[in-house]
Each structure stands twice: as structure tokens, then as C-alpha cells.
Protein backbone atom coordinates (compact mmCIF):
# COMPACT_ATOMS: atom_id res chain seq x y z
CA MET A 1 8.91 -40.40 27.02
CA PRO A 2 7.28 -39.40 23.64
CA ALA A 3 5.59 -36.01 23.36
CA ARG A 4 2.20 -37.91 23.28
CA ASP A 5 2.66 -38.97 26.99
CA ALA A 6 2.89 -34.99 28.14
CA VAL A 7 -0.19 -32.59 28.23
CA PRO A 8 -0.51 -29.35 26.60
CA TYR A 9 1.36 -26.81 27.95
CA ASN A 10 -0.90 -24.09 30.04
CA LEU A 11 1.20 -20.90 29.78
CA GLY A 12 -0.50 -19.81 32.80
CA LEU A 13 1.55 -21.73 34.94
CA HIS A 14 4.91 -20.30 33.84
CA THR A 15 4.14 -16.32 33.50
CA ASN A 16 7.89 -15.70 32.72
CA TYR A 17 8.16 -18.07 30.06
CA ALA A 18 4.72 -17.17 28.60
CA THR A 19 6.24 -13.13 28.61
CA SER A 20 9.49 -14.28 26.77
CA LEU A 21 7.44 -16.10 24.24
CA GLY A 22 5.40 -13.71 23.40
CA TRP A 23 8.65 -11.56 23.11
CA VAL A 24 10.18 -13.56 20.83
CA ILE A 25 7.33 -13.70 18.33
CA ALA A 26 6.83 -9.89 18.34
CA SER A 27 9.94 -9.23 18.12
CA TRP A 28 10.84 -11.45 15.39
CA ASN A 29 7.75 -9.41 13.73
CA MET A 30 9.21 -6.07 13.85
CA ILE A 31 13.02 -7.42 12.39
CA GLU A 32 10.44 -8.85 9.35
CA TYR A 33 9.44 -5.19 9.28
CA TYR A 34 13.06 -3.65 9.38
CA LEU A 35 14.59 -6.73 6.69
CA PHE A 36 11.45 -4.63 4.52
CA GLY A 37 13.15 -1.14 5.17
CA LEU A 38 16.66 -2.54 3.82
CA PHE A 39 14.87 -4.42 1.00
CA THR A 40 13.28 -0.96 0.09
CA VAL A 41 16.43 0.73 0.73
CA ILE A 42 18.99 -1.38 -1.54
CA LEU A 43 16.16 -2.26 -4.02
CA HIS A 44 15.82 1.81 -4.31
CA SER A 45 12.26 0.96 -5.14
CA PRO A 46 9.43 2.87 -4.38
CA PRO A 47 8.30 1.66 -0.90
CA GLN A 48 4.99 0.04 -2.57
CA ARG A 49 6.51 -2.04 -4.80
CA ALA A 50 9.39 -3.38 -2.81
CA GLN A 51 6.68 -4.13 -0.02
CA ALA A 52 4.73 -6.15 -2.67
CA ALA A 53 7.76 -8.05 -3.54
CA PHE A 54 9.20 -8.94 0.00
CA TYR A 55 5.99 -9.74 1.28
CA SER A 56 5.05 -12.04 -1.38
CA LEU A 57 7.56 -14.43 -0.20
CA VAL A 58 5.98 -15.91 3.19
CA ASN A 59 9.51 -18.06 3.80
CA ASN A 60 12.42 -16.10 5.56
CA LYS A 61 15.40 -17.95 3.53
CA ALA A 62 13.51 -17.07 0.55
CA ARG A 63 13.39 -13.46 1.38
CA ILE A 64 16.98 -13.10 2.75
CA ASP A 65 18.26 -15.01 -0.44
CA MET A 66 16.15 -12.45 -2.57
CA MET A 67 18.04 -9.72 -0.33
CA ARG A 68 21.40 -11.36 -1.06
CA ALA A 69 21.08 -10.99 -4.28
CA VAL A 70 19.45 -7.75 -4.77
CA SER A 71 22.45 -6.61 -2.34
CA ALA A 72 25.31 -8.09 -4.53
CA ASP A 73 24.66 -4.90 -7.09
CA PRO A 74 28.10 -3.42 -7.48
CA THR A 75 26.73 0.09 -7.36
CA ILE A 76 26.05 -0.20 -3.39
CA PRO A 77 29.12 1.05 -1.45
CA GLU A 78 31.62 -1.99 -0.16
CA LYS A 79 31.21 -0.74 3.37
CA TYR A 80 27.30 -1.17 2.90
CA ARG A 81 27.42 -4.63 0.94
CA THR A 82 29.14 -6.10 3.86
CA ARG A 83 27.56 -4.52 6.46
CA ILE A 84 23.72 -5.89 4.81
CA GLN A 85 25.65 -9.56 4.32
CA SER A 86 26.28 -9.58 8.45
CA ALA A 87 23.17 -8.34 9.35
CA LEU A 88 21.22 -11.61 6.98
CA ASP A 89 23.57 -13.51 8.52
CA ASN A 90 22.35 -12.32 11.57
CA ALA A 91 19.33 -12.27 11.02
CA ASN A 92 18.95 -15.95 9.95
CA GLU A 93 20.24 -16.70 13.46
CA ALA A 94 17.36 -15.01 14.93
CA ALA A 95 15.32 -16.55 12.89
CA ARG A 96 16.25 -19.88 13.79
CA ALA A 97 16.49 -19.31 17.81
CA ARG A 98 12.82 -17.82 17.09
CA ASN A 99 11.51 -20.95 15.37
CA LYS A 100 11.95 -23.76 18.45
CA TYR A 101 9.80 -20.99 20.26
CA ALA A 102 7.66 -20.30 18.05
CA HIS A 103 6.71 -23.56 15.40
CA TYR A 104 7.51 -26.67 18.12
CA LEU A 105 4.75 -28.03 20.21
CA TRP A 106 4.85 -26.95 23.64
CA THR A 107 4.13 -29.81 26.75
CA THR A 108 4.53 -29.83 30.20
CA ASP A 109 5.62 -32.88 32.50
CA GLY A 110 5.20 -32.15 35.80
CA ASN A 111 6.89 -28.54 36.38
CA GLU A 112 8.95 -29.14 33.10
CA ILE A 113 8.38 -27.62 29.63
CA TRP A 114 8.91 -29.13 26.69
CA ALA A 115 9.02 -28.34 23.17
CA THR A 116 8.96 -30.74 20.01
CA GLU A 117 9.55 -30.17 16.93
CA LEU A 118 6.15 -30.29 14.45
CA LEU A 119 8.22 -31.48 11.52
CA ASP A 120 8.57 -35.17 13.52
CA THR A 121 6.74 -37.78 12.14
CA PRO A 122 4.67 -38.75 14.07
CA VAL A 123 4.82 -35.79 16.22
CA PHE A 124 3.57 -37.23 19.34
CA ASP A 125 6.39 -39.71 18.86
CA GLY A 126 8.79 -37.21 18.23
CA GLN A 127 12.25 -36.32 19.95
CA LYS A 128 11.35 -33.67 22.79
CA GLN A 129 13.94 -31.24 24.14
CA LYS A 130 13.45 -29.40 27.46
CA ILE A 131 13.06 -25.70 27.73
CA GLN A 132 15.64 -24.08 29.23
CA TRP A 133 15.72 -20.59 30.26
CA LYS A 134 18.89 -19.49 29.32
CA GLU A 135 18.14 -20.86 25.74
CA MET A 136 15.30 -18.55 25.90
CA ILE A 137 17.15 -15.40 27.02
CA ASP A 138 19.73 -16.28 24.32
CA ALA A 139 17.38 -16.39 21.53
CA ILE A 140 15.83 -13.11 22.84
CA GLU A 141 19.34 -11.60 22.86
CA LYS A 142 19.96 -12.92 19.37
CA ILE A 143 17.20 -11.05 18.10
CA LYS A 144 17.66 -7.85 19.94
CA ALA A 145 21.18 -7.83 18.27
CA SER A 146 19.87 -8.20 14.96
CA GLY A 147 17.20 -5.74 15.49
CA GLU A 148 19.82 -3.50 16.31
CA GLU A 149 22.11 -4.36 13.75
CA ILE A 150 19.51 -3.96 11.02
CA ASN A 151 18.20 -0.76 12.66
CA GLN A 152 21.60 0.74 13.01
CA LEU A 153 22.25 0.06 9.06
CA LEU A 154 19.03 1.81 8.38
CA GLN A 155 19.65 5.11 9.85
CA ASP A 156 23.45 5.21 8.65
CA TRP A 157 22.28 4.22 5.23
CA THR A 158 19.23 6.90 5.22
CA GLN A 159 22.14 9.30 6.42
CA GLU A 160 24.40 9.24 4.05
CA HIS A 161 22.47 8.70 1.54
CA PRO A 162 19.33 10.86 1.97
CA ILE A 163 15.21 9.55 0.47
CA GLU A 164 12.61 11.19 0.40
CA TRP A 165 10.15 8.53 1.52
CA ALA A 166 12.30 6.91 3.96
CA ALA A 167 10.96 8.80 7.49
CA GLU A 168 7.33 7.64 6.26
CA ILE A 169 8.44 3.57 6.31
CA LEU A 170 11.90 3.44 8.30
CA PRO A 171 11.38 2.01 11.66
CA ARG A 172 11.88 4.15 14.63
CA ALA A 173 14.99 2.72 16.60
CA TRP A 174 15.31 -0.20 18.42
CA PRO A 175 13.32 0.10 21.67
CA LYS A 176 15.96 0.29 24.64
CA ARG A 177 15.11 -0.61 28.23
CA LEU A 178 15.16 2.27 30.24
CA LYS A 179 14.26 0.54 33.48
CA PRO A 180 13.47 -2.83 34.54
CA GLN A 181 9.77 -3.29 33.84
CA SER A 182 7.39 -5.95 35.33
CA GLY A 183 7.12 -9.27 32.95
CA ASP A 184 10.15 -7.83 30.83
CA PRO A 185 12.15 -11.23 30.26
CA LEU A 186 15.49 -9.77 30.43
CA GLN A 187 14.69 -7.25 33.22
CA SER A 188 12.63 -9.36 35.98
CA ASN A 189 13.60 -10.87 38.98
CA ASP A 190 10.89 -14.09 39.11
CA HIS A 191 12.39 -15.86 36.37
CA PRO A 192 14.47 -19.47 37.26
CA GLN A 193 18.24 -18.65 38.14
CA SER A 194 19.22 -21.47 36.73
CA ASP A 195 18.08 -25.03 34.80
CA GLU A 196 21.55 -26.47 35.47
């Protein structure tokens, strides 16, 4: 059934999906800030200059490509160059996982939730995909792992190579879940056990 035969998705119908979508979008924004922190550190630049360069690119691929080029600098210790490349690879994967939820058209067909890629032409004849709960949780886990990896890299780098202004711009540790909280998609019991 083409997407045009479904109706726009009301996020209030399934609060667990709405919470997860919010987590995916907000967490990706934090990863972008972590990437900016990493870019600042590897560029050896005042944060204002690094910020101007990083945020002048609005495309995630362009930002990551720029960071790959800068991190190839042979003055960066090999152990960090390897970790930076890994962190950038994982950030790219996290971005792909996020994009399905952030940029697709959400619709509902009965009790099922669907997503259609907005690049399909025409969009309402596009191929829609059922949103699977497990897939959303996998996306959240990829984003969470990417954020933790970049944060740890930043902490290790700045401990080994102290930077005077680092504490002013670098983010604190990625939030740890101390106890289940209402609406936390990874801890909540109000989500479907399986979509299979």
C-alpha cells in the first residue's frame, strides 16, 4: 500500500515510540556537539574558529570528511588517529540509524506505524517500511555507543594533552542511566515486547 493511503502519524497514539524518537533526535544533536569538541581538539584551534568551520558545514558527511582529513595529520599520535577514525566510522553509522527516524515521513495504518523516505518521488507513492520497535532500540544503542566512544576519546586526549580551554567547551560525560525512568525507551516496560 502506498504511503498516500495512510494517514499522518499521531505521536500521541504510541508514547513509547514518541519518546524514542525524541531520544534519537536529541541524542544525535549531542553527538554533533561532541564531534565539534573532537574537531576543536584535533585542529589545535581556538574553539571560536573551530566552531565557525565545523558549523558552516550543515551536512554530516561533509563534517566527518573534513574531520578525517584533519585527523590524518602525522603530528597526531597514531593511537589517537586510529581511535578518531573508528569514532568517525561509528558516528556515521549512528547518523544513518538516526536519519530513518528524523527524516522519514511517519504515517499510521491501523495500529501499525510506517516510515517513507522523503526522497522517494513522488513521496506518497514511495516504498514505506514498518517501524519495528527492536530496530528503534538498535538505533538508540548505536547513537549511545557513538556518544560514549567520542566522549571517552575526548577525555583521554585532554588528560594526556591538557588544553587550557577544554573544560569550557567540552561536554561532560555521556549520561549514564542510574535507574529506570518513566519514558526511558531503554528501561521502560511500556513498550511492545516484540514486533515479530
